[in-house]
């Protein structure tokens, strides 16, 4: 279920953001319409789970580590650990996702295929 996207190795000391800043085509499997951040949650907490009806996301770890729990429409759940590396995880539409087990100072960049639309969000599984 989880699709890992390999990102180009970037010589820039700033890390994984460079491929986005320079507009490298072919890395992200969709046109990027929105970008936002996910930060760590103190005390072993978790991000509220949710799914998006029409949006595909690519979650790119920038520092620290965390687990992404994905649940598909049939109820199959898979957990993938992300840490600062040269890969990100693709989250297709209608896939329930939770961010759990954040390390201290974990930060991720999320690239989304659609602009923000509150009606796209599903907050109950």
PDB file of N, CA and C in Angstrom:
ATOM      1  N   UNK A   1       0.817  -1.192   0.000  1.00  0.00           N
ATOM      2  CA  UNK A   1       0.000   0.000   0.000  1.00  0.00           C
ATOM      3  C   UNK A   1       0.865   1.262   0.000  1.00  0.00           C
ATOM      4  N   UNK A   2       1.880   1.353   0.869  1.00  0.00           N
ATOM      5  CA  UNK A   2       2.707   2.552   0.919  1.00  0.00           C
ATOM      6  C   UNK A   2       3.584   2.629  -0.315  1.00  0.00           C
ATOM      7  N   UNK A   3       3.599   3.791  -0.933  1.00  0.00           N
ATOM      8  CA  UNK A   3       4.468   4.028  -2.068  1.00  0.00           C
ATOM      9  C   UNK A   3       5.549   5.002  -1.634  1.00  0.00           C
ATOM     10  N   UNK A   4       6.780   4.535  -1.664  1.00  0.00           N
ATOM     11  CA  UNK A   4       7.913   5.377  -1.306  1.00  0.00           C
ATOM     12  C   UNK A   4       8.434   6.027  -2.582  1.00  0.00           C
ATOM     13  N   UNK A   5       8.611   7.325  -2.558  1.00  0.00           N
ATOM     14  CA  UNK A   5       9.130   8.089  -3.696  1.00  0.00           C
ATOM     15  C   UNK A   5      10.585   8.428  -3.400  1.00  0.00           C
ATOM     16  N   UNK A   6      11.490   8.009  -4.255  1.00  0.00           N
ATOM     17  CA  UNK A   6      12.895   8.358  -4.091  1.00  0.00           C
ATOM     18  C   UNK A   6      13.123   9.768  -4.599  1.00  0.00           C
ATOM     19  N   UNK A   7      13.753  10.568  -3.775  1.00  0.00           N
ATOM     20  CA  UNK A   7      14.057  11.949  -4.119  1.00  0.00           C
ATOM     21  C   UNK A   7      15.500  12.028  -4.587  1.00  0.00           C
ATOM     22  N   UNK A   8      15.819  13.019  -5.405  1.00  0.00           N
ATOM     23  CA  UNK A   8      17.206  13.127  -5.876  1.00  0.00           C
ATOM     24  C   UNK A   8      18.150  13.454  -4.723  1.00  0.00           C
ATOM     25  N   UNK A   9      19.342  12.924  -4.796  1.00  0.00           N
ATOM     26  CA  UNK A   9      20.350  13.274  -3.801  1.00  0.00           C
ATOM     27  C   UNK A   9      20.777  14.709  -4.100  1.00  0.00           C
ATOM     28  N   UNK A  10      20.722  15.542  -3.083  1.00  0.00           N
ATOM     29  CA  UNK A  10      20.958  16.968  -3.260  1.00  0.00           C
ATOM     30  C   UNK A  10      22.239  17.358  -2.538  1.00  0.00           C
ATOM     31  N   UNK A  11      23.157  17.966  -3.262  1.00  0.00           N
ATOM     32  CA  UNK A  11      24.426  18.393  -2.664  1.00  0.00           C
ATOM     33  C   UNK A  11      24.249  19.622  -1.780  1.00  0.00           C
ATOM     34  N   UNK A  12      23.180  20.359  -1.986  1.00  0.00           N
ATOM     35  CA  UNK A  12      22.898  21.562  -1.213  1.00  0.00           C
ATOM     36  C   UNK A  12      22.776  21.191   0.262  1.00  0.00           C
ATOM     37  N   UNK A  13      23.505  21.848   1.168  1.00  0.00           N
ATOM     38  CA  UNK A  13      23.458  21.489   2.583  1.00  0.00           C
ATOM     39  C   UNK A  13      22.090  21.727   3.233  1.00  0.00           C
ATOM     40  N   UNK A  14      21.201  22.452   2.552  1.00  0.00           N
ATOM     41  CA  UNK A  14      19.874  22.675   3.113  1.00  0.00           C
ATOM     42  C   UNK A  14      19.003  21.433   2.999  1.00  0.00           C
ATOM     43  N   UNK A  15      19.389  20.471   2.184  1.00  0.00           N
ATOM     44  CA  UNK A  15      18.679  19.197   2.155  1.00  0.00           C
ATOM     45  C   UNK A  15      17.597  19.081   1.117  1.00  0.00           C
ATOM     46  N   UNK A  16      16.552  18.305   1.452  1.00  0.00           N
ATOM     47  CA  UNK A  16      15.525  17.850   0.517  1.00  0.00           C
ATOM     48  C   UNK A  16      14.703  18.951  -0.146  1.00  0.00           C
ATOM     49  N   UNK A  17      14.641  20.133   0.410  1.00  0.00           N
ATOM     50  CA  UNK A  17      13.817  21.182  -0.182  1.00  0.00           C
ATOM     51  C   UNK A  17      14.327  21.650  -1.537  1.00  0.00           C
ATOM     52  N   UNK A  18      15.581  21.450  -1.823  1.00  0.00           N
ATOM     53  CA  UNK A  18      16.168  21.987  -3.046  1.00  0.00           C
ATOM     54  C   UNK A  18      15.470  21.501  -4.304  1.00  0.00           C
ATOM     55  N   UNK A  19      15.033  20.247  -4.357  1.00  0.00           N
ATOM     56  CA  UNK A  19      14.390  19.765  -5.581  1.00  0.00           C
ATOM     57  C   UNK A  19      13.080  20.490  -5.829  1.00  0.00           C
ATOM     58  N   UNK A  20      12.420  20.963  -4.790  1.00  0.00           N
ATOM     59  CA  UNK A  20      11.178  21.717  -4.954  1.00  0.00           C
ATOM     60  C   UNK A  20      11.497  23.147  -5.388  1.00  0.00           C
ATOM     61  N   UNK A  21      12.487  23.741  -4.733  1.00  0.00           N
ATOM     62  CA  UNK A  21      12.854  25.114  -5.052  1.00  0.00           C
ATOM     63  C   UNK A  21      13.304  25.269  -6.495  1.00  0.00           C
ATOM     64  N   UNK A  22      13.950  24.269  -7.049  1.00  0.00           N
ATOM     65  CA  UNK A  22      14.493  24.361  -8.400  1.00  0.00           C
ATOM     66  C   UNK A  22      13.560  23.784  -9.453  1.00  0.00           C
ATOM     67  N   UNK A  23      12.391  23.314  -9.041  1.00  0.00           N
ATOM     68  CA  UNK A  23      11.388  22.877  -9.998  1.00  0.00           C
ATOM     69  C   UNK A  23      11.761  21.640 -10.797  1.00  0.00           C
ATOM     70  N   UNK A  24      12.482  20.707 -10.198  1.00  0.00           N
ATOM     71  CA  UNK A  24      12.851  19.487 -10.904  1.00  0.00           C
ATOM     72  C   UNK A  24      11.588  18.707 -11.248  1.00  0.00           C
ATOM     73  N   UNK A  25      11.387  18.446 -12.527  1.00  0.00           N
ATOM     74  CA  UNK A  25      10.214  17.696 -12.998  1.00  0.00           C
ATOM     75  C   UNK A  25      10.463  16.201 -12.829  1.00  0.00           C
ATOM     76  N   UNK A  26       9.391  15.456 -12.666  1.00  0.00           N
ATOM     77  CA  UNK A  26       9.498  14.011 -12.608  1.00  0.00           C
ATOM     78  C   UNK A  26       9.744  13.449 -11.223  1.00  0.00           C
ATOM     79  N   UNK A  27       9.998  14.293 -10.236  1.00  0.00           N
ATOM     80  CA  UNK A  27      10.228  13.799  -8.882  1.00  0.00           C
ATOM     81  C   UNK A  27       8.898  13.559  -8.187  1.00  0.00           C
ATOM     82  N   UNK A  28       8.040  14.536  -8.205  1.00  0.00           N
ATOM     83  CA  UNK A  28       6.718  14.436  -7.586  1.00  0.00           C
ATOM     84  C   UNK A  28       5.739  13.977  -8.666  1.00  0.00           C
ATOM     85  N   UNK A  29       4.920  12.947  -8.403  1.00  0.00           N
ATOM     86  CA  UNK A  29       4.041  12.402  -9.442  1.00  0.00           C
ATOM     87  C   UNK A  29       2.781  13.218  -9.719  1.00  0.00           C
ATOM     88  N   UNK A  30       2.718  14.455  -9.226  1.00  0.00           N
ATOM     89  CA  UNK A  30       1.572  15.320  -9.480  1.00  0.00           C
ATOM     90  C   UNK A  30       2.029  16.768  -9.473  1.00  0.00           C
ATOM     91  N   UNK A  31       1.201  17.666  -9.998  1.00  0.00           N
ATOM     92  CA  UNK A  31       1.490  19.095  -9.925  1.00  0.00           C
ATOM     93  C   UNK A  31       1.257  19.554  -8.486  1.00  0.00           C
ATOM     94  N   UNK A  32       2.207  20.265  -7.926  1.00  0.00           N
ATOM     95  CA  UNK A  32       2.117  20.726  -6.541  1.00  0.00           C
ATOM     96  C   UNK A  32       1.265  21.984  -6.493  1.00  0.00           C
ATOM     97  N   UNK A  33       0.143  21.911  -5.778  1.00  0.00           N
ATOM     98  CA  UNK A  33      -0.774  23.048  -5.647  1.00  0.00           C
ATOM     99  C   UNK A  33      -0.725  23.683  -4.256  1.00  0.00           C
ATOM    100  N   UNK A  34      -0.181  22.936  -3.283  1.00  0.00           N
ATOM    101  CA  UNK A  34      -0.134  23.454  -1.911  1.00  0.00           C
ATOM    102  C   UNK A  34       1.032  22.795  -1.198  1.00  0.00           C
ATOM    103  N   UNK A  35       1.677  23.547  -0.303  1.00  0.00           N
ATOM    104  CA  UNK A  35       2.778  23.042   0.501  1.00  0.00           C
ATOM    105  C   UNK A  35       2.534  23.476   1.937  1.00  0.00           C
ATOM    106  N   UNK A  36       2.698  22.546   2.885  1.00  0.00           N
ATOM    107  CA  UNK A  36       2.586  22.915   4.291  1.00  0.00           C
ATOM    108  C   UNK A  36       3.496  22.032   5.129  1.00  0.00           C
ATOM    109  N   UNK A  37       3.635  22.379   6.411  1.00  0.00           N
ATOM    110  CA  UNK A  37       4.558  21.706   7.327  1.00  0.00           C
ATOM    111  C   UNK A  37       3.803  20.874   8.336  1.00  0.00           C
ATOM    112  N   UNK A  38       4.429  19.804   8.797  1.00  0.00           N
ATOM    113  CA  UNK A  38       3.970  19.042   9.960  1.00  0.00           C
ATOM    114  C   UNK A  38       5.128  19.056  10.949  1.00  0.00           C
ATOM    115  N   UNK A  39       4.838  19.434  12.188  1.00  0.00           N
ATOM    116  CA  UNK A  39       5.858  19.481  13.226  1.00  0.00           C
ATOM    117  C   UNK A  39       5.626  18.352  14.225  1.00  0.00           C
ATOM    118  N   UNK A  40       6.673  18.082  15.030  1.00  0.00           N
ATOM    119  CA  UNK A  40       6.552  17.039  16.044  1.00  0.00           C
ATOM    120  C   UNK A  40       5.502  17.408  17.088  1.00  0.00           C
ATOM    121  N   UNK A  41       5.054  16.390  17.807  1.00  0.00           N
ATOM    122  CA  UNK A  41       4.062  16.580  18.865  1.00  0.00           C
ATOM    123  C   UNK A  41       4.717  16.141  20.163  1.00  0.00           C
ATOM    124  N   UNK A  42       4.861  17.044  21.122  1.00  0.00           N
ATOM    125  CA  UNK A  42       5.546  16.691  22.368  1.00  0.00           C
ATOM    126  C   UNK A  42       4.818  15.599  23.142  1.00  0.00           C
ATOM    127  N   UNK A  43       5.585  14.890  23.953  1.00  0.00           N
ATOM    128  CA  UNK A  43       5.008  13.928  24.899  1.00  0.00           C
ATOM    129  C   UNK A  43       4.453  12.669  24.264  1.00  0.00           C
ATOM    130  N   UNK A  44       4.955  12.272  23.096  1.00  0.00           N
ATOM    131  CA  UNK A  44       4.513  11.022  22.485  1.00  0.00           C
ATOM    132  C   UNK A  44       3.103  11.074  21.920  1.00  0.00           C
ATOM    133  N   UNK A  45       2.582  12.272  21.679  1.00  0.00           N
ATOM    134  CA  UNK A  45       1.242  12.405  21.123  1.00  0.00           C
ATOM    135  C   UNK A  45       1.208  12.006  19.660  1.00  0.00           C
ATOM    136  N   UNK A  46       0.077  12.254  19.019  1.00  0.00           N
ATOM    137  CA  UNK A  46      -0.062  11.921  17.613  1.00  0.00           C
ATOM    138  C   UNK A  46      -0.874  12.996  16.910  1.00  0.00           C
ATOM    139  N   UNK A  47      -0.728  13.070  15.610  1.00  0.00           N
ATOM    140  CA  UNK A  47      -1.548  13.970  14.808  1.00  0.00           C
ATOM    141  C   UNK A  47      -2.901  13.323  14.606  1.00  0.00           C
ATOM    142  N   UNK A  48      -3.932  14.129  14.628  1.00  0.00           N
ATOM    143  CA  UNK A  48      -5.274  13.615  14.388  1.00  0.00           C
ATOM    144  C   UNK A  48      -5.325  12.965  13.017  1.00  0.00           C
ATOM    145  N   UNK A  49      -5.920  11.779  12.935  1.00  0.00           N
ATOM    146  CA  UNK A  49      -6.046  11.084  11.665  1.00  0.00           C
ATOM    147  C   UNK A  49      -7.076  11.764  10.780  1.00  0.00           C
ATOM    148  N   UNK A  50      -6.892  11.575   9.464  1.00  0.00           N
ATOM    149  CA  UNK A  50      -7.834  12.110   8.502  1.00  0.00           C
ATOM    150  C   UNK A  50      -7.513  11.551   7.125  1.00  0.00           C
ATOM    151  N   UNK A  51      -8.456  11.717   6.230  1.00  0.00           N
ATOM    152  CA  UNK A  51      -8.268  11.358   4.818  1.00  0.00           C
ATOM    153  C   UNK A  51      -8.702  12.549   3.988  1.00  0.00           C
ATOM    154  N   UNK A  52      -8.263  12.566   2.749  1.00  0.00           N
ATOM    155  CA  UNK A  52      -8.664  13.606   1.821  1.00  0.00           C
ATOM    156  C   UNK A  52      -9.379  12.955   0.636  1.00  0.00           C
ATOM    157  N   UNK A  53     -10.483  13.524   0.244  1.00  0.00           N
ATOM    158  CA  UNK A  53     -11.305  12.929  -0.821  1.00  0.00           C
ATOM    159  C   UNK A  53     -10.622  12.951  -2.200  1.00  0.00           C
ATOM    160  N   UNK A  54      -9.988  14.086  -2.538  1.00  0.00           N
ATOM    161  CA  UNK A  54      -9.481  14.274  -3.902  1.00  0.00           C
ATOM    162  C   UNK A  54      -7.993  14.576  -3.973  1.00  0.00           C
ATOM    163  N   UNK A  55      -7.336  14.692  -2.845  1.00  0.00           N
ATOM    164  CA  UNK A  55      -5.957  15.166  -2.802  1.00  0.00           C
ATOM    165  C   UNK A  55      -4.970  14.027  -2.626  1.00  0.00           C
ATOM    166  N   UNK A  56      -3.913  14.055  -3.420  1.00  0.00           N
ATOM    167  CA  UNK A  56      -2.762  13.181  -3.225  1.00  0.00           C
ATOM    168  C   UNK A  56      -1.704  14.006  -2.505  1.00  0.00           C
ATOM    169  N   UNK A  57      -1.007  13.388  -1.551  1.00  0.00           N
ATOM    170  CA  UNK A  57       0.042  14.090  -0.816  1.00  0.00           C
ATOM    171  C   UNK A  57       1.356  13.332  -0.934  1.00  0.00           C
ATOM    172  N   UNK A  58       2.456  14.069  -0.849  1.00  0.00           N
ATOM    173  CA  UNK A  58       3.781  13.496  -0.706  1.00  0.00           C
ATOM    174  C   UNK A  58       4.358  14.071   0.572  1.00  0.00           C
ATOM    175  N   UNK A  59       4.628  13.196   1.545  1.00  0.00           N
ATOM    176  CA  UNK A  59       5.184  13.622   2.837  1.00  0.00           C
ATOM    177  C   UNK A  59       6.693  13.405   2.785  1.00  0.00           C
ATOM    178  N   UNK A  60       7.448  14.496   2.980  1.00  0.00           N
ATOM    179  CA  UNK A  60       8.906  14.468   2.890  1.00  0.00           C
ATOM    180  C   UNK A  60       9.485  14.803   4.264  1.00  0.00           C
ATOM    181  N   UNK A  61      10.205  13.874   4.904  1.00  0.00           N
ATOM    182  CA  UNK A  61      10.803  14.180   6.199  1.00  0.00           C
ATOM    183  C   UNK A  61      11.985  15.131   6.043  1.00  0.00           C
ATOM    184  N   UNK A  62      12.053  16.122   6.925  1.00  0.00           N
ATOM    185  CA  UNK A  62      13.154  17.080   6.868  1.00  0.00           C
ATOM    186  C   UNK A  62      14.102  16.939   8.042  1.00  0.00           C
ATOM    187  N   UNK A  63      13.561  16.560   9.212  1.00  0.00           N
ATOM    188  CA  UNK A  63      14.416  16.306  10.375  1.00  0.00           C
ATOM    189  C   UNK A  63      13.680  15.376  11.318  1.00  0.00           C
ATOM    190  N   UNK A  64      14.444  14.696  12.171  1.00  0.00           N
ATOM    191  CA  UNK A  64      13.848  13.764  13.114  1.00  0.00           C
ATOM    192  C   UNK A  64      13.223  12.577  12.405  1.00  0.00           C
ATOM    193  N   UNK A  65      12.311  11.909  13.100  1.00  0.00           N
ATOM    194  CA  UNK A  65      11.635  10.762  12.511  1.00  0.00           C
ATOM    195  C   UNK A  65      10.215  10.671  13.045  1.00  0.00           C
ATOM    196  N   UNK A  66       9.372   9.941  12.325  1.00  0.00           N
ATOM    197  CA  UNK A  66       7.990   9.704  12.727  1.00  0.00           C
ATOM    198  C   UNK A  66       7.466   8.554  11.894  1.00  0.00           C
ATOM    199  N   UNK A  67       6.362   7.983  12.330  1.00  0.00           N
ATOM    200  CA  UNK A  67       5.707   6.919  11.584  1.00  0.00           C
ATOM    201  C   UNK A  67       4.469   7.488  10.902  1.00  0.00           C
ATOM    202  N   UNK A  68       4.209   7.019   9.689  1.00  0.00           N
ATOM    203  CA  UNK A  68       2.990   7.358   8.976  1.00  0.00           C
ATOM    204  C   UNK A  68       2.165   6.080   8.902  1.00  0.00           C
ATOM    205  N   UNK A  69       0.994   6.119   9.503  1.00  0.00           N
ATOM    206  CA  UNK A  69       0.080   4.976   9.482  1.00  0.00           C
ATOM    207  C   UNK A  69      -0.967   5.232   8.406  1.00  0.00           C
ATOM    208  N   UNK A  70      -1.021   4.355   7.401  1.00  0.00           N
ATOM    209  CA  UNK A  70      -1.976   4.478   6.301  1.00  0.00           C
ATOM    210  C   UNK A  70      -2.981   3.336   6.374  1.00  0.00           C
ATOM    211  N   UNK A  71      -4.258   3.659   6.191  1.00  0.00           N
ATOM    212  CA  UNK A  71      -5.307   2.653   6.147  1.00  0.00           C
ATOM    213  C   UNK A  71      -6.095   2.859   4.860  1.00  0.00           C
ATOM    214  N   UNK A  72      -6.177   1.788   4.046  1.00  0.00           N
ATOM    215  CA  UNK A  72      -6.883   1.906   2.767  1.00  0.00           C
ATOM    216  C   UNK A  72      -8.383   1.657   2.940  1.00  0.00           C
ATOM    217  N   UNK A  73      -9.123   1.726   1.845  1.00  0.00           N
ATOM    218  CA  UNK A  73     -10.585   1.601   1.873  1.00  0.00           C
ATOM    219  C   UNK A  73     -11.048   0.236   2.382  1.00  0.00           C
ATOM    220  N   UNK A  74     -10.215  -0.801   2.229  1.00  0.00           N
ATOM    221  CA  UNK A  74     -10.577  -2.138   2.711  1.00  0.00           C
ATOM    222  C   UNK A  74     -10.212  -2.348   4.180  1.00  0.00           C
ATOM    223  N   UNK A  75      -9.600  -1.351   4.810  1.00  0.00           N
ATOM    224  CA  UNK A  75      -9.240  -1.441   6.214  1.00  0.00           C
ATOM    225  C   UNK A  75      -7.852  -1.995   6.467  1.00  0.00           C
ATOM    226  N   UNK A  76      -7.066  -2.237   5.424  1.00  0.00           N
ATOM    227  CA  UNK A  76      -5.694  -2.712   5.580  1.00  0.00           C
ATOM    228  C   UNK A  76      -4.828  -1.552   6.050  1.00  0.00           C
ATOM    229  N   UNK A  77      -4.095  -1.770   7.147  1.00  0.00           N
ATOM    230  CA  UNK A  77      -3.255  -0.724   7.727  1.00  0.00           C
ATOM    231  C   UNK A  77      -1.791  -1.084   7.574  1.00  0.00           C
ATOM    232  N   UNK A  78      -0.990  -0.075   7.254  1.00  0.00           N
ATOM    233  CA  UNK A  78       0.452  -0.242   7.105  1.00  0.00           C
ATOM    234  C   UNK A  78       1.132   0.950   7.763  1.00  0.00           C
ATOM    235  N   UNK A  79       2.208   0.691   8.486  1.00  0.00           N
ATOM    236  CA  UNK A  79       2.957   1.756   9.152  1.00  0.00           C
ATOM    237  C   UNK A  79       4.346   1.824   8.524  1.00  0.00           C
ATOM    238  N   UNK A  80       4.746   3.032   8.145  1.00  0.00           N
ATOM    239  CA  UNK A  80       6.057   3.264   7.544  1.00  0.00           C
ATOM    240  C   UNK A  80       6.784   4.316   8.357  1.00  0.00           C
ATOM    241  N   UNK A  81       8.034   4.037   8.714  1.00  0.00           N
ATOM    242  CA  UNK A  81       8.854   5.003   9.442  1.00  0.00           C
ATOM    243  C   UNK A  81       9.561   5.903   8.440  1.00  0.00           C
ATOM    244  N   UNK A  82       9.448   7.204   8.668  1.00  0.00           N
ATOM    245  CA  UNK A  82      10.156   8.183   7.851  1.00  0.00           C
ATOM    246  C   UNK A  82      11.170   8.901   8.724  1.00  0.00           C
ATOM    247  N   UNK A  83      12.323   9.141   8.155  1.00  0.00           N
ATOM    248  CA  UNK A  83      13.350   9.925   8.820  1.00  0.00           C
ATOM    249  C   UNK A  83      14.070  10.720   7.755  1.00  0.00           C
ATOM    250  N   UNK A  84      14.809  11.696   8.188  1.00  0.00           N
ATOM    251  CA  UNK A  84      15.481  12.533   7.188  1.00  0.00           C
ATOM    252  C   UNK A  84      16.289  11.639   6.255  1.00  0.00           C
ATOM    253  N   UNK A  85      15.903  11.661   5.021  1.00  0.00           N
ATOM    254  CA  UNK A  85      16.540  10.785   4.041  1.00  0.00           C
ATOM    255  C   UNK A  85      16.256  11.335   2.655  1.00  0.00           C
ATOM    256  N   UNK A  86      16.426  10.510   1.677  1.00  0.00           N
ATOM    257  CA  UNK A  86      16.167  10.918   0.300  1.00  0.00           C
ATOM    258  C   UNK A  86      14.913  10.253  -0.231  1.00  0.00           C
ATOM    259  N   UNK A  87      13.891  10.152   0.611  1.00  0.00           N
ATOM    260  CA  UNK A  87      12.635   9.556   0.158  1.00  0.00           C
ATOM    261  C   UNK A  87      11.465  10.207   0.891  1.00  0.00           C
ATOM    262  N   UNK A  88      10.285  10.033   0.320  1.00  0.00           N
ATOM    263  CA  UNK A  88       9.058  10.510   0.941  1.00  0.00           C
ATOM    264  C   UNK A  88       7.985   9.469   0.705  1.00  0.00           C
ATOM    265  N   UNK A  89       6.828   9.622   1.338  1.00  0.00           N
ATOM    266  CA  UNK A  89       5.754   8.652   1.181  1.00  0.00           C
ATOM    267  C   UNK A  89       4.572   9.303   0.476  1.00  0.00           C
ATOM    268  N   UNK A  90       4.036   8.596  -0.490  1.00  0.00           N
ATOM    269  CA  UNK A  90       2.889   9.060  -1.255  1.00  0.00           C
ATOM    270  C   UNK A  90       1.609   8.604  -0.566  1.00  0.00           C
ATOM    271  N   UNK A  91       0.687   9.543  -0.347  1.00  0.00           N
ATOM    272  CA  UNK A  91      -0.605   9.238   0.275  1.00  0.00           C
ATOM    273  C   UNK A  91      -1.691   9.521  -0.754  1.00  0.00           C
ATOM    274  N   UNK A  92      -2.298   8.462  -1.310  1.00  0.00           N
ATOM    275  CA  UNK A  92      -3.334   8.678  -2.327  1.00  0.00           C
ATOM    276  C   UNK A  92      -4.639   9.192  -1.721  1.00  0.00           C
ATOM    277  N   UNK A  93      -5.519   9.735  -2.554  1.00  0.00           N
ATOM    278  CA  UNK A  93      -6.829  10.171  -2.055  1.00  0.00           C
ATOM    279  C   UNK A  93      -7.563   9.009  -1.371  1.00  0.00           C
ATOM    280  N   UNK A  94      -8.423   9.345  -0.436  1.00  0.00           N
ATOM    281  CA  UNK A  94      -9.276   8.391   0.278  1.00  0.00           C
ATOM    282  C   UNK A  94      -8.474   7.380   1.106  1.00  0.00           C
ATOM    283  N   UNK A  95      -7.270   7.751   1.502  1.00  0.00           N
ATOM    284  CA  UNK A  95      -6.447   6.921   2.376  1.00  0.00           C
ATOM    285  C   UNK A  95      -6.360   7.604   3.725  1.00  0.00           C
ATOM    286  N   UNK A  96      -6.788   6.902   4.763  1.00  0.00           N
ATOM    287  CA  UNK A  96      -6.725   7.442   6.119  1.00  0.00           C
ATOM    288  C   UNK A  96      -5.270   7.482   6.538  1.00  0.00           C
ATOM    289  N   UNK A  97      -4.822   8.626   7.108  1.00  0.00           N
ATOM    290  CA  UNK A  97      -3.441   8.697   7.578  1.00  0.00           C
ATOM    291  C   UNK A  97      -3.339   9.331   8.946  1.00  0.00           C
ATOM    292  N   UNK A  98      -2.413   8.786   9.725  1.00  0.00           N
ATOM    293  CA  UNK A  98      -2.073   9.345  11.031  1.00  0.00           C
ATOM    294  C   UNK A  98      -0.563   9.477  11.099  1.00  0.00           C
ATOM    295  N   UNK A  99      -0.094  10.531  11.768  1.00  0.00           N
ATOM    296  CA  UNK A  99       1.328  10.719  12.030  1.00  0.00           C
ATOM    297  C   UNK A  99       1.525  10.387  13.504  1.00  0.00           C
ATOM    298  N   UNK A 100       2.359   9.389  13.785  1.00  0.00           N
ATOM    299  CA  UNK A 100       2.543   8.909  15.162  1.00  0.00           C
ATOM    300  C   UNK A 100       4.033   8.739  15.463  1.00  0.00           C
ATOM    301  N   UNK A 101       4.339   8.584  16.744  1.00  0.00           N
ATOM    302  CA  UNK A 101       5.706   8.292  17.214  1.00  0.00           C
ATOM    303  C   UNK A 101       6.725   9.319  16.739  1.00  0.00           C
ATOM    304  N   UNK A 102       6.394  10.591  16.877  1.00  0.00           N
ATOM    305  CA  UNK A 102       7.326  11.648  16.471  1.00  0.00           C
ATOM    306  C   UNK A 102       8.508  11.716  17.422  1.00  0.00           C
ATOM    307  N   UNK A 103       9.706  11.843  16.860  1.00  0.00           N
ATOM    308  CA  UNK A 103      10.873  12.108  17.688  1.00  0.00           C
ATOM    309  C   UNK A 103      10.914  13.606  17.977  1.00  0.00           C
ATOM    310  N   UNK A 104      11.775  14.005  18.884  1.00  0.00           N
ATOM    311  CA  UNK A 104      11.931  15.431  19.161  1.00  0.00           C
ATOM    312  C   UNK A 104      12.407  16.155  17.914  1.00  0.00           C
ATOM    313  N   UNK A 105      11.859  17.310  17.663  1.00  0.00           N
ATOM    314  CA  UNK A 105      12.234  18.162  16.534  1.00  0.00           C
ATOM    315  C   UNK A 105      11.951  17.540  15.166  1.00  0.00           C
ATOM    316  N   UNK A 106      10.993  16.632  15.079  1.00  0.00           N
ATOM    317  CA  UNK A 106      10.623  16.068  13.783  1.00  0.00           C
ATOM    318  C   UNK A 106       9.848  17.114  12.980  1.00  0.00           C
ATOM    319  N   UNK A 107      10.236  17.258  11.725  1.00  0.00           N
ATOM    320  CA  UNK A 107       9.572  18.184  10.820  1.00  0.00           C
ATOM    321  C   UNK A 107       9.419  17.503   9.471  1.00  0.00           C
ATOM    322  N   UNK A 108       8.243  17.670   8.870  1.00  0.00           N
ATOM    323  CA  UNK A 108       8.013  17.134   7.531  1.00  0.00           C
ATOM    324  C   UNK A 108       7.386  18.207   6.665  1.00  0.00           C
ATOM    325  N   UNK A 109       7.677  18.126   5.390  1.00  0.00           N
ATOM    326  CA  UNK A 109       7.065  18.984   4.389  1.00  0.00           C
ATOM    327  C   UNK A 109       6.016  18.139   3.679  1.00  0.00           C
ATOM    328  N   UNK A 110       4.819  18.692   3.474  1.00  0.00           N
ATOM    329  CA  UNK A 110       3.766  17.974   2.767  1.00  0.00           C
ATOM    330  C   UNK A 110       3.444  18.725   1.485  1.00  0.00           C
ATOM    331  N   UNK A 111       3.550  18.014   0.370  1.00  0.00           N
ATOM    332  CA  UNK A 111       3.209  18.555  -0.936  1.00  0.00           C
ATOM    333  C   UNK A 111       1.845  17.997  -1.301  1.00  0.00           C
ATOM    334  N   UNK A 112       0.918  18.845  -1.713  1.00  0.00           N
ATOM    335  CA  UNK A 112      -0.449  18.414  -1.994  1.00  0.00           C
ATOM    336  C   UNK A 112      -0.828  18.736  -3.434  1.00  0.00           C
ATOM    337  N   UNK A 113      -1.677  17.882  -3.999  1.00  0.00           N
ATOM    338  CA  UNK A 113      -2.066  18.014  -5.408  1.00  0.00           C
ATOM    339  C   UNK A 113      -3.213  18.998  -5.641  1.00  0.00           C
ATOM    340  N   UNK A 114      -3.833  19.494  -4.567  1.00  0.00           N
ATOM    341  CA  UNK A 114      -4.944  20.436  -4.711  1.00  0.00           C
ATOM    342  C   UNK A 114      -4.763  21.608  -3.754  1.00  0.00           C
ATOM    343  N   UNK A 115      -5.354  22.759  -4.065  1.00  0.00           N
ATOM    344  CA  UNK A 115      -5.374  23.860  -3.103  1.00  0.00           C
ATOM    345  C   UNK A 115      -6.202  23.460  -1.879  1.00  0.00           C
ATOM    346  N   UNK A 116      -6.036  24.190  -0.811  1.00  0.00           N
ATOM    347  CA  UNK A 116      -6.790  23.908   0.408  1.00  0.00           C
ATOM    348  C   UNK A 116      -8.289  24.024   0.152  1.00  0.00           C
ATOM    349  N   UNK A 117      -9.023  23.012   0.588  1.00  0.00           N
ATOM    350  CA  UNK A 117     -10.479  22.997   0.481  1.00  0.00           C
ATOM    351  C   UNK A 117     -11.019  22.240   1.690  1.00  0.00           C
ATOM    352  N   UNK A 118     -11.649  22.933   2.649  1.00  0.00           N
ATOM    353  CA  UNK A 118     -12.124  22.253   3.859  1.00  0.00           C
ATOM    354  C   UNK A 118     -13.088  21.098   3.562  1.00  0.00           C
ATOM    355  N   UNK A 119     -13.813  21.154   2.459  1.00  0.00           N
ATOM    356  CA  UNK A 119     -14.774  20.077   2.156  1.00  0.00           C
ATOM    357  C   UNK A 119     -14.071  18.814   1.658  1.00  0.00           C
ATOM    358  N   UNK A 120     -12.772  18.886   1.370  1.00  0.00           N
ATOM    359  CA  UNK A 120     -12.001  17.712   0.929  1.00  0.00           C
ATOM    360  C   UNK A 120     -11.632  16.806   2.103  1.00  0.00           C
ATOM    361  N   UNK A 121     -11.669  17.335   3.313  1.00  0.00           N
ATOM    362  CA  UNK A 121     -11.199  16.602   4.503  1.00  0.00           C
ATOM    363  C   UNK A 121     -12.267  15.666   5.043  1.00  0.00           C
ATOM    364  N   UNK A 122     -11.849  14.474   5.447  1.00  0.00           N
ATOM    365  CA  UNK A 122     -12.682  13.503   6.160  1.00  0.00           C
ATOM    366  C   UNK A 122     -12.009  13.277   7.505  1.00  0.00           C
ATOM    367  N   UNK A 123     -12.704  13.589   8.607  1.00  0.00           N
ATOM    368  CA  UNK A 123     -12.088  13.475   9.928  1.00  0.00           C
ATOM    369  C   UNK A 123     -12.599  12.281  10.727  1.00  0.00           C
ATOM    370  N   UNK A 124     -13.552  11.538  10.208  1.00  0.00           N
ATOM    371  CA  UNK A 124     -14.029  10.349  10.916  1.00  0.00           C
ATOM    372  C   UNK A 124     -13.799   9.140  10.059  1.00  0.00           C
ATOM    373  N   UNK A 125     -13.225   8.120  10.666  1.00  0.00           N
ATOM    374  CA  UNK A 125     -12.930   6.896   9.925  1.00  0.00           C
ATOM    375  C   UNK A 125     -14.060   5.910  10.067  1.00  0.00           C
TER     376      UNK A 125
END
